[in-house]
Amino acid sequence: MQTFVFVAVALSVVCLAESSRLAGGLGRAKDATPETQRLVDSVQDEIIGQLPLGYDREQPLQLTAVSYREQVVAGKNYFIKVETGFNRYIHVRIYKDLRGDASITSVQLEKTITDPIEYF
């Protein structure tokens, strides 16, 4: 019986460690999906409002989601790598509450395609 309990607990720990939906933990990086792009599009004006004056203002910005990580909280945080055009990237943190309302939490500038998406 003790062996069964040990094996069951060990398997549970492994499954939880592999889960990207563990509450509070930041999931693994994934390629952006159409849903991720819609999320970026839904808060595009907020993102642009947090960029410094003159940040590609001469051209309309094309905000294209590249990859993302998720964090389950009371709702969900999305950490998204976004291409702004001209081979420039930013990282955007978007909070989506349990009702589905999204808002910008933070924006990081001067990122590259190879910069990993980290908690910020």
Protein backbone atom coordinates (compact mmCIF):
# COMPACT_ATOMS: atom_id res chain seq x y z
CA MET A 1 0.00 0.00 0.00
CA GLN A 2 2.84 2.41 0.84
CA THR A 3 4.42 1.74 -2.57
CA PHE A 4 1.14 2.55 -4.33
CA VAL A 5 0.77 5.81 -2.41
CA PHE A 6 4.41 6.77 -3.17
CA VAL A 7 3.96 6.07 -6.89
CA ALA A 8 0.68 8.01 -6.97
CA VAL A 9 2.25 11.01 -5.24
CA ALA A 10 5.33 10.88 -7.51
CA LEU A 11 3.16 10.81 -10.64
CA SER A 12 1.09 13.73 -9.34
CA VAL A 13 4.20 15.81 -8.74
CA VAL A 14 5.50 15.07 -12.25
CA CYS A 15 2.15 15.95 -13.81
CA LEU A 16 1.94 19.22 -11.88
CA ALA A 17 5.51 20.13 -12.84
CA GLU A 18 4.68 19.58 -16.51
CA SER A 19 1.43 21.52 -16.37
CA SER A 20 1.48 25.01 -17.84
CA ARG A 21 -1.85 25.73 -16.15
CA LEU A 22 -0.57 25.47 -12.59
CA ALA A 23 -2.06 28.41 -10.69
CA GLY A 24 0.55 31.09 -10.11
CA GLY A 25 3.21 29.50 -12.30
CA LEU A 26 4.34 30.93 -15.61
CA GLY A 27 3.69 28.41 -18.39
CA ARG A 28 6.11 27.50 -21.14
CA ALA A 29 6.54 29.68 -24.22
CA LYS A 30 4.20 28.91 -27.11
CA ASP A 31 3.78 30.25 -30.62
CA ALA A 32 1.13 32.93 -30.88
CA THR A 33 -2.32 31.83 -31.96
CA PRO A 34 -5.16 33.73 -33.63
CA GLU A 35 -6.67 34.08 -30.13
CA THR A 36 -3.44 35.67 -28.87
CA GLN A 37 -3.48 38.11 -31.80
CA ARG A 38 -7.12 39.03 -31.08
CA LEU A 39 -6.14 39.73 -27.47
CA VAL A 40 -3.35 42.08 -28.63
CA ASP A 41 -5.73 43.72 -31.11
CA SER A 42 -8.31 44.27 -28.36
CA VAL A 43 -5.88 46.39 -26.31
CA GLN A 44 -3.88 47.91 -29.18
CA ASP A 45 -4.73 51.50 -28.25
CA GLU A 46 -3.57 50.88 -24.65
CA ILE A 47 -0.30 49.37 -25.89
CA ILE A 48 0.37 52.32 -28.20
CA GLY A 49 -0.48 54.70 -25.34
CA GLN A 50 2.30 53.17 -23.22
CA LEU A 51 4.96 53.52 -25.92
CA PRO A 52 7.25 56.55 -25.73
CA LEU A 53 6.48 59.52 -27.96
CA GLY A 54 8.01 59.10 -31.37
CA TYR A 55 8.05 55.30 -31.25
CA ASP A 56 7.43 54.60 -34.93
CA ARG A 57 4.81 57.37 -35.04
CA GLU A 58 5.60 58.14 -38.69
CA GLN A 59 4.10 54.78 -39.73
CA PRO A 60 1.01 53.05 -38.37
CA LEU A 61 2.25 50.34 -36.02
CA GLN A 62 1.56 46.74 -36.94
CA LEU A 63 1.37 44.88 -33.62
CA THR A 64 1.90 41.20 -34.43
CA ALA A 65 1.89 38.61 -31.64
CA VAL A 66 4.85 36.25 -32.04
CA SER A 67 4.86 34.06 -28.93
CA TYR A 68 3.44 34.06 -25.42
CA ARG A 69 3.40 32.58 -21.94
CA GLU A 70 0.44 32.36 -19.57
CA GLN A 71 0.03 32.67 -15.83
CA VAL A 72 -3.17 31.53 -14.16
CA VAL A 73 -4.21 33.90 -11.37
CA ALA A 74 -7.69 35.22 -10.53
CA GLY A 75 -8.08 35.37 -14.28
CA LYS A 76 -5.04 35.05 -16.53
CA ASN A 77 -1.88 37.02 -17.28
CA TYR A 78 -0.55 36.82 -20.81
CA PHE A 79 3.11 37.69 -21.41
CA ILE A 80 3.31 38.28 -25.17
CA LYS A 81 6.25 39.00 -27.50
CA VAL A 82 4.95 41.48 -30.08
CA GLU A 83 6.65 42.61 -33.29
CA THR A 84 6.02 46.31 -33.90
CA GLY A 85 7.47 46.36 -37.40
CA PHE A 86 10.95 47.22 -38.66
CA ASN A 87 12.28 44.11 -36.85
CA ARG A 88 11.51 45.70 -33.46
CA TYR A 89 9.94 43.81 -30.57
CA ILE A 90 8.29 44.57 -27.27
CA HIS A 91 6.97 42.36 -24.48
CA VAL A 92 3.45 43.09 -23.31
CA ARG A 93 1.71 41.84 -20.17
CA ILE A 94 -2.06 41.66 -20.54
CA TYR A 95 -4.39 40.73 -17.70
CA LYS A 96 -7.69 39.09 -18.65
CA ASP A 97 -10.13 38.86 -15.76
CA LEU A 98 -12.70 36.13 -15.14
CA ARG A 99 -15.35 38.10 -17.03
CA GLY A 100 -13.10 38.26 -20.10
CA ASP A 101 -12.16 41.95 -19.83
CA ALA A 102 -8.54 42.60 -20.87
CA SER A 103 -6.18 45.40 -19.88
CA ILE A 104 -2.48 46.21 -20.21
CA THR A 105 -0.40 45.74 -17.07
CA SER A 106 3.07 46.50 -18.41
CA VAL A 107 5.12 46.98 -21.58
CA GLN A 108 8.85 46.30 -22.00
CA LEU A 109 10.71 47.99 -24.86
CA GLU A 110 13.88 47.19 -26.80
CA LYS A 111 13.42 43.43 -27.01
CA THR A 112 14.73 41.14 -29.73
CA ILE A 113 13.30 38.04 -31.37
CA THR A 114 15.66 35.92 -29.24
CA ASP A 115 14.89 37.52 -25.86
CA PRO A 116 13.02 35.01 -23.70
CA ILE A 117 9.66 36.02 -22.29
CA GLU A 118 10.17 36.33 -18.54
CA TYR A 119 7.92 37.41 -15.68
CA PHE A 120 7.71 41.21 -15.40
